[in-house]
Amino acid sequence: MIDRFGKKLYNCPNCAAPIGYGPKCEYCGTVLRWEPFDVKKVYVNVRPLAATVFVDNDLLQYEAIRRDVPNRLCAQLAQELPKIWELREEDDPYRNGKRYRAVIYVGRRSE
C-alpha cells in the first residue's frame, strides 16, 4: 500500500494495523514475516520440477484422452511439491489455532 506521498505503508496482514519493526503485530500478536525494503532474492541450487505423460498416437484421436493430459501432469507435479516447498506455521490468536502455509519460490530461466 502506498500513501499520498508515495511512501510504502506496512500493515498487519491480519488486523491491518500499522506495524513497527518487531517480529509480531503490537495489536493482535500476529507473527510478521515481512521485508521492509525491496530485496531481490537470489536462489541457488534450483532444480527443475517436471512431469511427463506419454500418449500413444492411436489414442490421440479421442478428445477425452487429450483433455486428460493436463490433469495427469498436474497430479505428477503435485506429488513432487512437498519436496520443494517451505512449510510455515503461524499462530492465529483469533481462531485459537495455527495457520499452515506452504510457499514455493518460482522463477524463470534467464535467456
PDB file of N, CA and C in Angstrom:
ATOM      1  N   MET A   1       0.843  -1.164   0.000  1.00  0.00           N
ATOM      2  CA  MET A   1       0.000   0.000   0.000  1.00  0.00           C
ATOM      3  C   MET A   1       0.897   1.240   0.000  1.00  0.00           C
ATOM      4  N   ILE A   2       0.503   2.260  -0.738  1.00  0.00           N
ATOM      5  CA  ILE A   2       1.305   3.468  -0.847  1.00  0.00           C
ATOM      6  C   ILE A   2       0.450   4.654  -0.404  1.00  0.00           C
ATOM      7  N   ASP A   3       1.024   5.528   0.438  1.00  0.00           N
ATOM      8  CA  ASP A   3       0.263   6.684   0.893  1.00  0.00           C
ATOM      9  C   ASP A   3       0.303   7.806  -0.141  1.00  0.00           C
ATOM     10  N   ARG A   4      -0.292   8.943   0.184  1.00  0.00           N
ATOM     11  CA  ARG A   4      -0.405  10.040  -0.784  1.00  0.00           C
ATOM     12  C   ARG A   4       0.924  10.689  -1.119  1.00  0.00           C
ATOM     13  N   PHE A   5       1.969  10.411  -0.333  1.00  0.00           N
ATOM     14  CA  PHE A   5       3.289  10.959  -0.602  1.00  0.00           C
ATOM     15  C   PHE A   5       4.183   9.974  -1.355  1.00  0.00           C
ATOM     16  N   GLY A   6       3.622   8.835  -1.724  1.00  0.00           N
ATOM     17  CA  GLY A   6       4.386   7.828  -2.451  1.00  0.00           C
ATOM     18  C   GLY A   6       5.212   6.925  -1.550  1.00  0.00           C
ATOM     19  N   LYS A   7       5.002   7.016  -0.239  1.00  0.00           N
ATOM     20  CA  LYS A   7       5.744   6.195   0.719  1.00  0.00           C
ATOM     21  C   LYS A   7       5.001   4.882   0.941  1.00  0.00           C
ATOM     22  N   LYS A   8       5.761   3.783   1.007  1.00  0.00           N
ATOM     23  CA  LYS A   8       5.133   2.490   1.252  1.00  0.00           C
ATOM     24  C   LYS A   8       4.665   2.409   2.699  1.00  0.00           C
ATOM     25  N   LEU A   9       3.470   1.878   2.874  1.00  0.00           N
ATOM     26  CA  LEU A   9       2.933   1.662   4.206  1.00  0.00           C
ATOM     27  C   LEU A   9       2.948   0.167   4.489  1.00  0.00           C
ATOM     28  N   TYR A  10       3.239  -0.185   5.715  1.00  0.00           N
ATOM     29  CA  TYR A  10       3.260  -1.588   6.102  1.00  0.00           C
ATOM     30  C   TYR A  10       2.208  -1.800   7.175  1.00  0.00           C
ATOM     31  N   ASN A  11       1.303  -2.723   6.894  1.00  0.00           N
ATOM     32  CA  ASN A  11       0.224  -3.020   7.813  1.00  0.00           C
ATOM     33  C   ASN A  11       0.175  -4.509   8.097  1.00  0.00           C
ATOM     34  N   CYS A  12      -0.368  -4.836   9.247  1.00  0.00           N
ATOM     35  CA  CYS A  12      -0.523  -6.231   9.653  1.00  0.00           C
ATOM     36  C   CYS A  12      -1.449  -6.933   8.663  1.00  0.00           C
ATOM     37  N   PRO A  13      -1.064  -8.100   8.160  1.00  0.00           N
ATOM     38  CA  PRO A  13      -1.931  -8.819   7.218  1.00  0.00           C
ATOM     39  C   PRO A  13      -3.190  -9.380   7.874  1.00  0.00           C
ATOM     40  N   ASN A  14      -3.202  -9.416   9.214  1.00  0.00           N
ATOM     41  CA  ASN A  14      -4.344  -9.988   9.912  1.00  0.00           C
ATOM     42  C   ASN A  14      -5.354  -8.921  10.339  1.00  0.00           C
ATOM     43  N   CYS A  15      -4.870  -7.816  10.988  1.00  0.00           N
ATOM     44  CA  CYS A  15      -5.794  -6.807  11.504  1.00  0.00           C
ATOM     45  C   CYS A  15      -5.654  -5.458  10.817  1.00  0.00           C
ATOM     46  N   ALA A  16      -4.692  -5.309   9.905  1.00  0.00           N
ATOM     47  CA  ALA A  16      -4.448  -4.091   9.121  1.00  0.00           C
ATOM     48  C   ALA A  16      -3.911  -2.926   9.944  1.00  0.00           C
ATOM     49  N   ALA A  17      -3.503  -3.177  11.182  1.00  0.00           N
ATOM     50  CA  ALA A  17      -2.907  -2.116  11.992  1.00  0.00           C
ATOM     51  C   ALA A  17      -1.515  -1.798  11.457  1.00  0.00           C
ATOM     52  N   PRO A  18      -1.065  -0.549  11.625  1.00  0.00           N
ATOM     53  CA  PRO A  18       0.301  -0.232  11.201  1.00  0.00           C
ATOM     54  C   PRO A  18       1.290  -1.028  12.052  1.00  0.00           C
ATOM     55  N   ILE A  19       2.332  -1.523  11.419  1.00  0.00           N
ATOM     56  CA  ILE A  19       3.275  -2.353  12.159  1.00  0.00           C
ATOM     57  C   ILE A  19       4.581  -1.608  12.369  1.00  0.00           C
ATOM     58  N   GLY A  20       5.254  -1.968  13.437  1.00  0.00           N
ATOM     59  CA  GLY A  20       6.566  -1.398  13.734  1.00  0.00           C
ATOM     60  C   GLY A  20       7.640  -2.295  13.160  1.00  0.00           C
ATOM     61  N   TYR A  21       8.757  -2.371  13.862  1.00  0.00           N
ATOM     62  CA  TYR A  21       9.864  -3.177  13.375  1.00  0.00           C
ATOM     63  C   TYR A  21      10.018  -4.471  14.161  1.00  0.00           C
ATOM     64  N   GLY A  22       9.045  -4.815  14.968  1.00  0.00           N
ATOM     65  CA  GLY A  22       9.120  -6.029  15.766  1.00  0.00           C
ATOM     66  C   GLY A  22       8.684  -7.257  14.986  1.00  0.00           C
ATOM     67  N   PRO A  23       8.898  -8.444  15.581  1.00  0.00           N
ATOM     68  CA  PRO A  23       8.526  -9.688  14.906  1.00  0.00           C
ATOM     69  C   PRO A  23       7.035 -10.010  14.978  1.00  0.00           C
ATOM     70  N   LYS A  24       6.288  -9.272  15.859  1.00  0.00           N
ATOM     71  CA  LYS A  24       4.852  -9.516  15.996  1.00  0.00           C
ATOM     72  C   LYS A  24       4.094  -8.199  15.922  1.00  0.00           C
ATOM     73  N   CYS A  25       2.842  -8.294  15.477  1.00  0.00           N
ATOM     74  CA  CYS A  25       1.966  -7.126  15.476  1.00  0.00           C
ATOM     75  C   CYS A  25       1.685  -6.735  16.921  1.00  0.00           C
ATOM     76  N   GLU A  26       1.834  -5.449  17.240  1.00  0.00           N
ATOM     77  CA  GLU A  26       1.612  -4.974  18.604  1.00  0.00           C
ATOM     78  C   GLU A  26       0.139  -5.024  18.999  1.00  0.00           C
ATOM     79  N   TYR A  27      -0.752  -5.088  18.023  1.00  0.00           N
ATOM     80  CA  TYR A  27      -2.178  -5.034  18.310  1.00  0.00           C
ATOM     81  C   TYR A  27      -2.815  -6.412  18.444  1.00  0.00           C
ATOM     82  N   CYS A  28      -2.505  -7.330  17.506  1.00  0.00           N
ATOM     83  CA  CYS A  28      -3.177  -8.639  17.534  1.00  0.00           C
ATOM     84  C   CYS A  28      -2.233  -9.805  17.800  1.00  0.00           C
ATOM     85  N   GLY A  29      -0.914  -9.553  17.781  1.00  0.00           N
ATOM     86  CA  GLY A  29       0.042 -10.622  18.082  1.00  0.00           C
ATOM     87  C   GLY A  29       0.419 -11.505  16.915  1.00  0.00           C
ATOM     88  N   THR A  30      -0.041 -11.187  15.715  1.00  0.00           N
ATOM     89  CA  THR A  30       0.293 -11.990  14.544  1.00  0.00           C
ATOM     90  C   THR A  30       1.798 -11.948  14.286  1.00  0.00           C
ATOM     91  N   VAL A  31       2.389 -13.114  14.032  1.00  0.00           N
ATOM     92  CA  VAL A  31       3.808 -13.175  13.697  1.00  0.00           C
ATOM     93  C   VAL A  31       3.993 -12.567  12.310  1.00  0.00           C
ATOM     94  N   LEU A  32       4.917 -11.619  12.201  1.00  0.00           N
ATOM     95  CA  LEU A  32       5.127 -10.899  10.952  1.00  0.00           C
ATOM     96  C   LEU A  32       6.367 -11.407  10.247  1.00  0.00           C
ATOM     97  N   ARG A  33       6.215 -11.731   9.010  1.00  0.00           N
ATOM     98  CA  ARG A  33       7.353 -12.095   8.160  1.00  0.00           C
ATOM     99  C   ARG A  33       7.319 -11.138   6.989  1.00  0.00           C
ATOM    100  N   TRP A  34       7.938 -10.026   7.144  1.00  0.00           N
ATOM    101  CA  TRP A  34       7.913  -9.003   6.123  1.00  0.00           C
ATOM    102  C   TRP A  34       9.303  -8.481   5.883  1.00  0.00           C
ATOM    103  N   GLU A  35       9.459  -7.886   4.740  1.00  0.00           N
ATOM    104  CA  GLU A  35      10.732  -7.296   4.372  1.00  0.00           C
ATOM    105  C   GLU A  35      10.507  -5.806   4.191  1.00  0.00           C
ATOM    106  N   PRO A  36      11.142  -4.986   5.020  1.00  0.00           N
ATOM    107  CA  PRO A  36      10.884  -3.555   4.967  1.00  0.00           C
ATOM    108  C   PRO A  36      11.451  -2.852   3.747  1.00  0.00           C
ATOM    109  N   PHE A  37      12.282  -3.509   2.981  1.00  0.00           N
ATOM    110  CA  PHE A  37      12.880  -2.901   1.797  1.00  0.00           C
ATOM    111  C   PHE A  37      12.650  -3.803   0.600  1.00  0.00           C
ATOM    112  N   ASP A  38      12.777  -3.232  -0.577  1.00  0.00           N
ATOM    113  CA  ASP A  38      12.683  -4.038  -1.780  1.00  0.00           C
ATOM    114  C   ASP A  38      13.970  -4.838  -1.899  1.00  0.00           C
ATOM    115  N   VAL A  39      13.864  -6.142  -1.749  1.00  0.00           N
ATOM    116  CA  VAL A  39      15.033  -7.009  -1.757  1.00  0.00           C
ATOM    117  C   VAL A  39      14.893  -7.984  -2.914  1.00  0.00           C
ATOM    118  N   LYS A  40      15.934  -8.125  -3.680  1.00  0.00           N
ATOM    119  CA  LYS A  40      15.940  -9.134  -4.730  1.00  0.00           C
ATOM    120  C   LYS A  40      16.591 -10.377  -4.150  1.00  0.00           C
ATOM    121  N   LYS A  41      15.874 -11.472  -4.204  1.00  0.00           N
ATOM    122  CA  LYS A  41      16.400 -12.719  -3.670  1.00  0.00           C
ATOM    123  C   LYS A  41      17.061 -13.502  -4.787  1.00  0.00           C
ATOM    124  N   VAL A  42      18.141 -14.136  -4.444  1.00  0.00           N
ATOM    125  CA  VAL A  42      18.840 -14.997  -5.387  1.00  0.00           C
ATOM    126  C   VAL A  42      18.813 -16.399  -4.790  1.00  0.00           C
ATOM    127  N   TYR A  43      18.306 -17.331  -5.557  1.00  0.00           N
ATOM    128  CA  TYR A  43      18.208 -18.698  -5.082  1.00  0.00           C
ATOM    129  C   TYR A  43      19.226 -19.560  -5.806  1.00  0.00           C
ATOM    130  N   VAL A  44      19.912 -20.359  -5.040  1.00  0.00           N
ATOM    131  CA  VAL A  44      20.893 -21.265  -5.615  1.00  0.00           C
ATOM    132  C   VAL A  44      20.370 -22.688  -5.485  1.00  0.00           C
ATOM    133  N   ASN A  45      21.008 -23.575  -6.169  1.00  0.00           N
ATOM    134  CA  ASN A  45      20.615 -24.989  -6.169  1.00  0.00           C
ATOM    135  C   ASN A  45      19.179 -25.183  -6.644  1.00  0.00           C
ATOM    136  N   VAL A  46      18.800 -24.431  -7.644  1.00  0.00           N
ATOM    137  CA  VAL A  46      17.456 -24.563  -8.212  1.00  0.00           C
ATOM    138  C   VAL A  46      17.429 -25.782  -9.110  1.00  0.00           C
ATOM    139  N   ARG A  47      16.389 -26.571  -8.968  1.00  0.00           N
ATOM    140  CA  ARG A  47      16.253 -27.746  -9.829  1.00  0.00           C
ATOM    141  C   ARG A  47      14.896 -27.697 -10.506  1.00  0.00           C
ATOM    142  N   PRO A  48      14.811 -28.230 -11.692  1.00  0.00           N
ATOM    143  CA  PRO A  48      13.522 -28.187 -12.388  1.00  0.00           C
ATOM    144  C   PRO A  48      12.524 -29.158 -11.762  1.00  0.00           C
ATOM    145  N   LEU A  49      11.286 -28.791 -11.828  1.00  0.00           N
ATOM    146  CA  LEU A  49      10.190 -29.651 -11.409  1.00  0.00           C
ATOM    147  C   LEU A  49       9.459 -30.011 -12.693  1.00  0.00           C
ATOM    148  N   ALA A  50       9.486 -31.274 -13.051  1.00  0.00           N
ATOM    149  CA  ALA A  50       8.956 -31.673 -14.358  1.00  0.00           C
ATOM    150  C   ALA A  50       8.029 -32.881 -14.223  1.00  0.00           C
ATOM    151  N   ALA A  51       7.149 -33.013 -15.180  1.00  0.00           N
ATOM    152  CA  ALA A  51       6.252 -34.165 -15.275  1.00  0.00           C
ATOM    153  C   ALA A  51       6.171 -34.571 -16.737  1.00  0.00           C
ATOM    154  N   THR A  52       5.931 -35.855 -16.962  1.00  0.00           N
ATOM    155  CA  THR A  52       5.853 -36.377 -18.322  1.00  0.00           C
ATOM    156  C   THR A  52       4.676 -37.326 -18.441  1.00  0.00           C
ATOM    157  N   VAL A  53       3.933 -37.187 -19.530  1.00  0.00           N
ATOM    158  CA  VAL A  53       2.840 -38.111 -19.829  1.00  0.00           C
ATOM    159  C   VAL A  53       3.020 -38.581 -21.262  1.00  0.00           C
ATOM    160  N   PHE A  54       2.953 -39.870 -21.460  1.00  0.00           N
ATOM    161  CA  PHE A  54       3.045 -40.441 -22.800  1.00  0.00           C
ATOM    162  C   PHE A  54       1.652 -40.866 -23.235  1.00  0.00           C
ATOM    163  N   VAL A  55       1.295 -40.505 -24.470  1.00  0.00           N
ATOM    164  CA  VAL A  55       0.022 -40.936 -25.050  1.00  0.00           C
ATOM    165  C   VAL A  55       0.326 -41.532 -26.419  1.00  0.00           C
ATOM    166  N   ASP A  56      -0.111 -42.749 -26.620  1.00  0.00           N
ATOM    167  CA  ASP A  56       0.072 -43.434 -27.893  1.00  0.00           C
ATOM    168  C   ASP A  56      -0.655 -42.675 -28.993  1.00  0.00           C
ATOM    169  N   ASN A  57      -0.054 -42.594 -30.165  1.00  0.00           N
ATOM    170  CA  ASN A  57      -0.658 -41.860 -31.286  1.00  0.00           C
ATOM    171  C   ASN A  57      -2.064 -42.353 -31.619  1.00  0.00           C
ATOM    172  N   ASP A  58      -2.306 -43.639 -31.473  1.00  0.00           N
ATOM    173  CA  ASP A  58      -3.634 -44.176 -31.776  1.00  0.00           C
ATOM    174  C   ASP A  58      -4.698 -43.635 -30.820  1.00  0.00           C
ATOM    175  N   LEU A  59      -4.288 -43.268 -29.598  1.00  0.00           N
ATOM    176  CA  LEU A  59      -5.244 -42.775 -28.600  1.00  0.00           C
ATOM    177  C   LEU A  59      -5.485 -41.272 -28.701  1.00  0.00           C
ATOM    178  N   LEU A  60      -4.639 -40.591 -29.446  1.00  0.00           N
ATOM    179  CA  LEU A  60      -4.795 -39.133 -29.563  1.00  0.00           C
ATOM    180  C   LEU A  60      -6.038 -38.723 -30.335  1.00  0.00           C
ATOM    181  N   GLN A  61      -6.655 -39.661 -31.005  1.00  0.00           N
ATOM    182  CA  GLN A  61      -7.884 -39.339 -31.733  1.00  0.00           C
ATOM    183  C   GLN A  61      -9.063 -39.095 -30.788  1.00  0.00           C
ATOM    184  N   TYR A  62      -8.935 -39.531 -29.541  1.00  0.00           N
ATOM    185  CA  TYR A  62     -10.018 -39.377 -28.575  1.00  0.00           C
ATOM    186  C   TYR A  62      -9.835 -38.079 -27.789  1.00  0.00           C
ATOM    187  N   GLU A  63     -10.821 -37.206 -27.887  1.00  0.00           N
ATOM    188  CA  GLU A  63     -10.776 -35.895 -27.234  1.00  0.00           C
ATOM    189  C   GLU A  63     -10.638 -36.023 -25.715  1.00  0.00           C
ATOM    190  N   ALA A  64     -11.309 -36.987 -25.115  1.00  0.00           N
ATOM    191  CA  ALA A  64     -11.261 -37.168 -23.661  1.00  0.00           C
ATOM    192  C   ALA A  64      -9.837 -37.465 -23.188  1.00  0.00           C
ATOM    193  N   ILE A  65      -9.102 -38.226 -23.961  1.00  0.00           N
ATOM    194  CA  ILE A  65      -7.717 -38.557 -23.584  1.00  0.00           C
ATOM    195  C   ILE A  65      -6.840 -37.321 -23.697  1.00  0.00           C
ATOM    196  N   ARG A  66      -7.025 -36.549 -24.759  1.00  0.00           N
ATOM    197  CA  ARG A  66      -6.234 -35.315 -24.912  1.00  0.00           C
ATOM    198  C   ARG A  66      -6.550 -34.327 -23.787  1.00  0.00           C
ATOM    199  N   ARG A  67      -7.818 -34.235 -23.417  1.00  0.00           N
ATOM    200  CA  ARG A  67      -8.206 -33.308 -22.340  1.00  0.00           C
ATOM    201  C   ARG A  67      -7.670 -33.759 -20.985  1.00  0.00           C
ATOM    202  N   ASP A  68      -7.425 -35.056 -20.807  1.00  0.00           N
ATOM    203  CA  ASP A  68      -6.962 -35.575 -19.519  1.00  0.00           C
ATOM    204  C   ASP A  68      -5.461 -35.384 -19.300  1.00  0.00           C
ATOM    205  N   VAL A  69      -4.717 -35.084 -20.343  1.00  0.00           N
ATOM    206  CA  VAL A  69      -3.256 -34.938 -20.216  1.00  0.00           C
ATOM    207  C   VAL A  69      -2.882 -33.883 -19.169  1.00  0.00           C
ATOM    208  N   PRO A  70      -3.454 -32.659 -19.180  1.00  0.00           N
ATOM    209  CA  PRO A  70      -3.080 -31.689 -18.139  1.00  0.00           C
ATOM    210  C   PRO A  70      -3.373 -32.171 -16.721  1.00  0.00           C
ATOM    211  N   ASN A  71      -4.468 -32.914 -16.546  1.00  0.00           N
ATOM    212  CA  ASN A  71      -4.786 -33.443 -15.214  1.00  0.00           C
ATOM    213  C   ASN A  71      -3.730 -34.429 -14.745  1.00  0.00           C
ATOM    214  N   ARG A  72      -3.274 -35.269 -15.640  1.00  0.00           N
ATOM    215  CA  ARG A  72      -2.243 -36.245 -15.284  1.00  0.00           C
ATOM    216  C   ARG A  72      -0.918 -35.559 -14.967  1.00  0.00           C
ATOM    217  N   LEU A  73      -0.596 -34.510 -15.732  1.00  0.00           N
ATOM    218  CA  LEU A  73       0.627 -33.746 -15.456  1.00  0.00           C
ATOM    219  C   LEU A  73       0.535 -33.059 -14.092  1.00  0.00           C
ATOM    220  N   CYS A  74      -0.614 -32.465 -13.800  1.00  0.00           N
ATOM    221  CA  CYS A  74      -0.812 -31.808 -12.503  1.00  0.00           C
ATOM    222  C   CYS A  74      -0.661 -32.793 -11.346  1.00  0.00           C
ATOM    223  N   ALA A  75      -1.205 -33.969 -11.498  1.00  0.00           N
ATOM    224  CA  ALA A  75      -1.108 -34.975 -10.434  1.00  0.00           C
ATOM    225  C   ALA A  75       0.344 -35.349 -10.158  1.00  0.00           C
ATOM    226  N   GLN A  76       1.127 -35.484 -11.214  1.00  0.00           N
ATOM    227  CA  GLN A  76       2.546 -35.808 -11.026  1.00  0.00           C
ATOM    228  C   GLN A  76       3.285 -34.666 -10.326  1.00  0.00           C
ATOM    229  N   LEU A  77       3.025 -33.444 -10.771  1.00  0.00           N
ATOM    230  CA  LEU A  77       3.686 -32.295 -10.152  1.00  0.00           C
ATOM    231  C   LEU A  77       3.279 -32.147  -8.691  1.00  0.00           C
ATOM    232  N   ALA A  78       2.013 -32.386  -8.382  1.00  0.00           N
ATOM    233  CA  ALA A  78       1.528 -32.257  -7.009  1.00  0.00           C
ATOM    234  C   ALA A  78       2.260 -33.207  -6.062  1.00  0.00           C
ATOM    235  N   GLN A  79       2.617 -34.376  -6.539  1.00  0.00           N
ATOM    236  CA  GLN A  79       3.344 -35.327  -5.695  1.00  0.00           C
ATOM    237  C   GLN A  79       4.748 -34.838  -5.356  1.00  0.00           C
ATOM    238  N   GLU A  80       5.321 -34.011  -6.210  1.00  0.00           N
ATOM    239  CA  GLU A  80       6.675 -33.510  -6.002  1.00  0.00           C
ATOM    240  C   GLU A  80       6.734 -32.241  -5.152  1.00  0.00           C
ATOM    241  N   LEU A  81       5.631 -31.529  -5.011  1.00  0.00           N
ATOM    242  CA  LEU A  81       5.636 -30.248  -4.317  1.00  0.00           C
ATOM    243  C   LEU A  81       6.157 -30.301  -2.879  1.00  0.00           C
ATOM    244  N   PRO A  82       5.777 -31.287  -2.053  1.00  0.00           N
ATOM    245  CA  PRO A  82       6.300 -31.299  -0.681  1.00  0.00           C
ATOM    246  C   PRO A  82       7.829 -31.371  -0.593  1.00  0.00           C
ATOM    247  N   LYS A  83       8.473 -31.811  -1.646  1.00  0.00           N
ATOM    248  CA  LYS A  83       9.940 -31.886  -1.639  1.00  0.00           C
ATOM    249  C   LYS A  83      10.583 -30.507  -1.761  1.00  0.00           C
ATOM    250  N   ILE A  84       9.847 -29.530  -2.305  1.00  0.00           N
ATOM    251  CA  ILE A  84      10.467 -28.232  -2.556  1.00  0.00           C
ATOM    252  C   ILE A  84       9.808 -27.069  -1.814  1.00  0.00           C
ATOM    253  N   TRP A  85       8.658 -27.294  -1.170  1.00  0.00           N
ATOM    254  CA  TRP A  85       8.019 -26.155  -0.531  1.00  0.00           C
ATOM    255  C   TRP A  85       8.652 -25.837   0.811  1.00  0.00           C
ATOM    256  N   GLU A  86       8.436 -24.587   1.225  1.00  0.00           N
ATOM    257  CA  GLU A  86       8.837 -24.135   2.545  1.00  0.00           C
ATOM    258  C   GLU A  86       7.555 -24.085   3.360  1.00  0.00           C
ATOM    259  N   LEU A  87       7.467 -24.923   4.370  1.00  0.00           N
ATOM    260  CA  LEU A  87       6.252 -25.014   5.171  1.00  0.00           C
ATOM    261  C   LEU A  87       6.363 -24.053   6.347  1.00  0.00           C
ATOM    262  N   ARG A  88       5.363 -23.193   6.496  1.00  0.00           N
ATOM    263  CA  ARG A  88       5.364 -22.200   7.568  1.00  0.00           C
ATOM    264  C   ARG A  88       4.210 -22.460   8.526  1.00  0.00           C
ATOM    265  N   GLU A  89       4.482 -22.259   9.802  1.00  0.00           N
ATOM    266  CA  GLU A  89       3.466 -22.413  10.844  1.00  0.00           C
ATOM    267  C   GLU A  89       3.340 -21.076  11.555  1.00  0.00           C
ATOM    268  N   GLU A  90       2.116 -20.552  11.649  1.00  0.00           N
ATOM    269  CA  GLU A  90       1.894 -19.258  12.279  1.00  0.00           C
ATOM    270  C   GLU A  90       0.777 -19.373  13.306  1.00  0.00           C
ATOM    271  N   ASP A  91       0.931 -18.654  14.411  1.00  0.00           N
ATOM    272  CA  ASP A  91      -0.135 -18.601  15.402  1.00  0.00           C
ATOM    273  C   ASP A  91      -1.295 -17.782  14.866  1.00  0.00           C
ATOM    274  N   ASP A  92      -2.508 -18.223  15.157  1.00  0.00           N
ATOM    275  CA  ASP A  92      -3.702 -17.474  14.790  1.00  0.00           C
ATOM    276  C   ASP A  92      -4.511 -17.272  16.071  1.00  0.00           C
ATOM    277  N   PRO A  93      -4.235 -16.167  16.792  1.00  0.00           N
ATOM    278  CA  PRO A  93      -4.887 -15.968  18.082  1.00  0.00           C
ATOM    279  C   PRO A  93      -6.393 -15.759  17.997  1.00  0.00           C
ATOM    280  N   TYR A  94      -6.876 -15.245  16.877  1.00  0.00           N
ATOM    281  CA  TYR A  94      -8.314 -15.023  16.754  1.00  0.00           C
ATOM    282  C   TYR A  94      -9.091 -16.316  16.590  1.00  0.00           C
ATOM    283  N   ARG A  95      -8.488 -17.270  15.925  1.00  0.00           N
ATOM    284  CA  ARG A  95      -9.168 -18.559  15.718  1.00  0.00           C
ATOM    285  C   ARG A  95      -8.704 -19.608  16.707  1.00  0.00           C
ATOM    286  N   ASN A  96      -7.770 -19.211  17.589  1.00  0.00           N
ATOM    287  CA  ASN A  96      -7.247 -20.107  18.615  1.00  0.00           C
ATOM    288  C   ASN A  96      -6.665 -21.369  18.002  1.00  0.00           C
ATOM    289  N   GLY A  97      -5.707 -21.182  17.118  1.00  0.00           N
ATOM    290  CA  GLY A  97      -5.080 -22.329  16.474  1.00  0.00           C
ATOM    291  C   GLY A  97      -3.841 -21.918  15.704  1.00  0.00           C
ATOM    292  N   LYS A  98      -3.466 -22.733  14.775  1.00  0.00           N
ATOM    293  CA  LYS A  98      -2.286 -22.498  13.934  1.00  0.00           C
ATOM    294  C   LYS A  98      -2.719 -22.403  12.486  1.00  0.00           C
ATOM    295  N   ARG A  99      -1.999 -21.597  11.741  1.00  0.00           N
ATOM    296  CA  ARG A  99      -2.207 -21.478  10.300  1.00  0.00           C
ATOM    297  C   ARG A  99      -0.968 -22.057   9.633  1.00  0.00           C
ATOM    298  N   TYR A 100      -1.176 -22.982   8.717  1.00  0.00           N
ATOM    299  CA  TYR A 100      -0.067 -23.591   7.987  1.00  0.00           C
ATOM    300  C   TYR A 100      -0.093 -23.071   6.563  1.00  0.00           C
ATOM    301  N   ARG A 101       1.080 -22.741   6.070  1.00  0.00           N
ATOM    302  CA  ARG A 101       1.181 -22.162   4.738  1.00  0.00           C
ATOM    303  C   ARG A 101       2.380 -22.766   4.030  1.00  0.00           C
ATOM    304  N   ALA A 102       2.180 -23.200   2.812  1.00  0.00           N
ATOM    305  CA  ALA A 102       3.268 -23.739   2.006  1.00  0.00           C
ATOM    306  C   ALA A 102       3.643 -22.687   0.970  1.00  0.00           C
ATOM    307  N   VAL A 103       4.954 -22.421   0.857  1.00  0.00           N
ATOM    308  CA  VAL A 103       5.445 -21.413  -0.072  1.00  0.00           C
ATOM    309  C   VAL A 103       6.436 -22.074  -1.022  1.00  0.00           C
ATOM    310  N   ILE A 104       6.270 -21.794  -2.292  1.00  0.00           N
ATOM    311  CA  ILE A 104       7.190 -22.284  -3.310  1.00  0.00           C
ATOM    312  C   ILE A 104       7.720 -21.074  -4.056  1.00  0.00           C
ATOM    313  N   TYR A 105       9.037 -20.979  -4.174  1.00  0.00           N
ATOM    314  CA  TYR A 105       9.655 -19.880  -4.895  1.00  0.00           C
ATOM    315  C   TYR A 105       9.781 -20.278  -6.364  1.00  0.00           C
ATOM    316  N   VAL A 106       9.215 -19.447  -7.216  1.00  0.00           N
ATOM    317  CA  VAL A 106       9.155 -19.759  -8.636  1.00  0.00           C
ATOM    318  C   VAL A 106       9.884 -18.662  -9.415  1.00  0.00           C
ATOM    319  N   GLY A 107      10.634 -19.045 -10.382  1.00  0.00           N
ATOM    320  CA  GLY A 107      11.319 -18.075 -11.220  1.00  0.00           C
ATOM    321  C   GLY A 107      11.398 -18.587 -12.649  1.00  0.00           C
ATOM    322  N   ARG A 108      11.941 -17.775 -13.507  1.00  0.00           N
ATOM    323  CA  ARG A 108      12.114 -18.162 -14.899  1.00  0.00           C
ATOM    324  C   ARG A 108      13.594 -18.248 -15.202  1.00  0.00           C
ATOM    325  N   ARG A 109      13.904 -19.089 -16.160  1.00  0.00           N
ATOM    326  CA  ARG A 109      15.287 -19.180 -16.632  1.00  0.00           C
ATOM    327  C   ARG A 109      15.662 -17.901 -17.333  1.00  0.00           C
ATOM    328  N   SER A 110      16.891 -17.481 -17.148  1.00  0.00           N
ATOM    329  CA  SER A 110      17.390 -16.342 -17.909  1.00  0.00           C
ATOM    330  C   SER A 110      17.761 -16.827 -19.297  1.00  0.00           C
ATOM    331  N   GLU A 111      17.410 -16.044 -20.265  1.00  0.00           N
ATOM    332  CA  GLU A 111      17.741 -16.414 -21.656  1.00  0.00           C
ATOM    333  C   GLU A 111      19.134 -15.960 -22.005  1.00  0.00           C
TER     334      GLU A 111
END
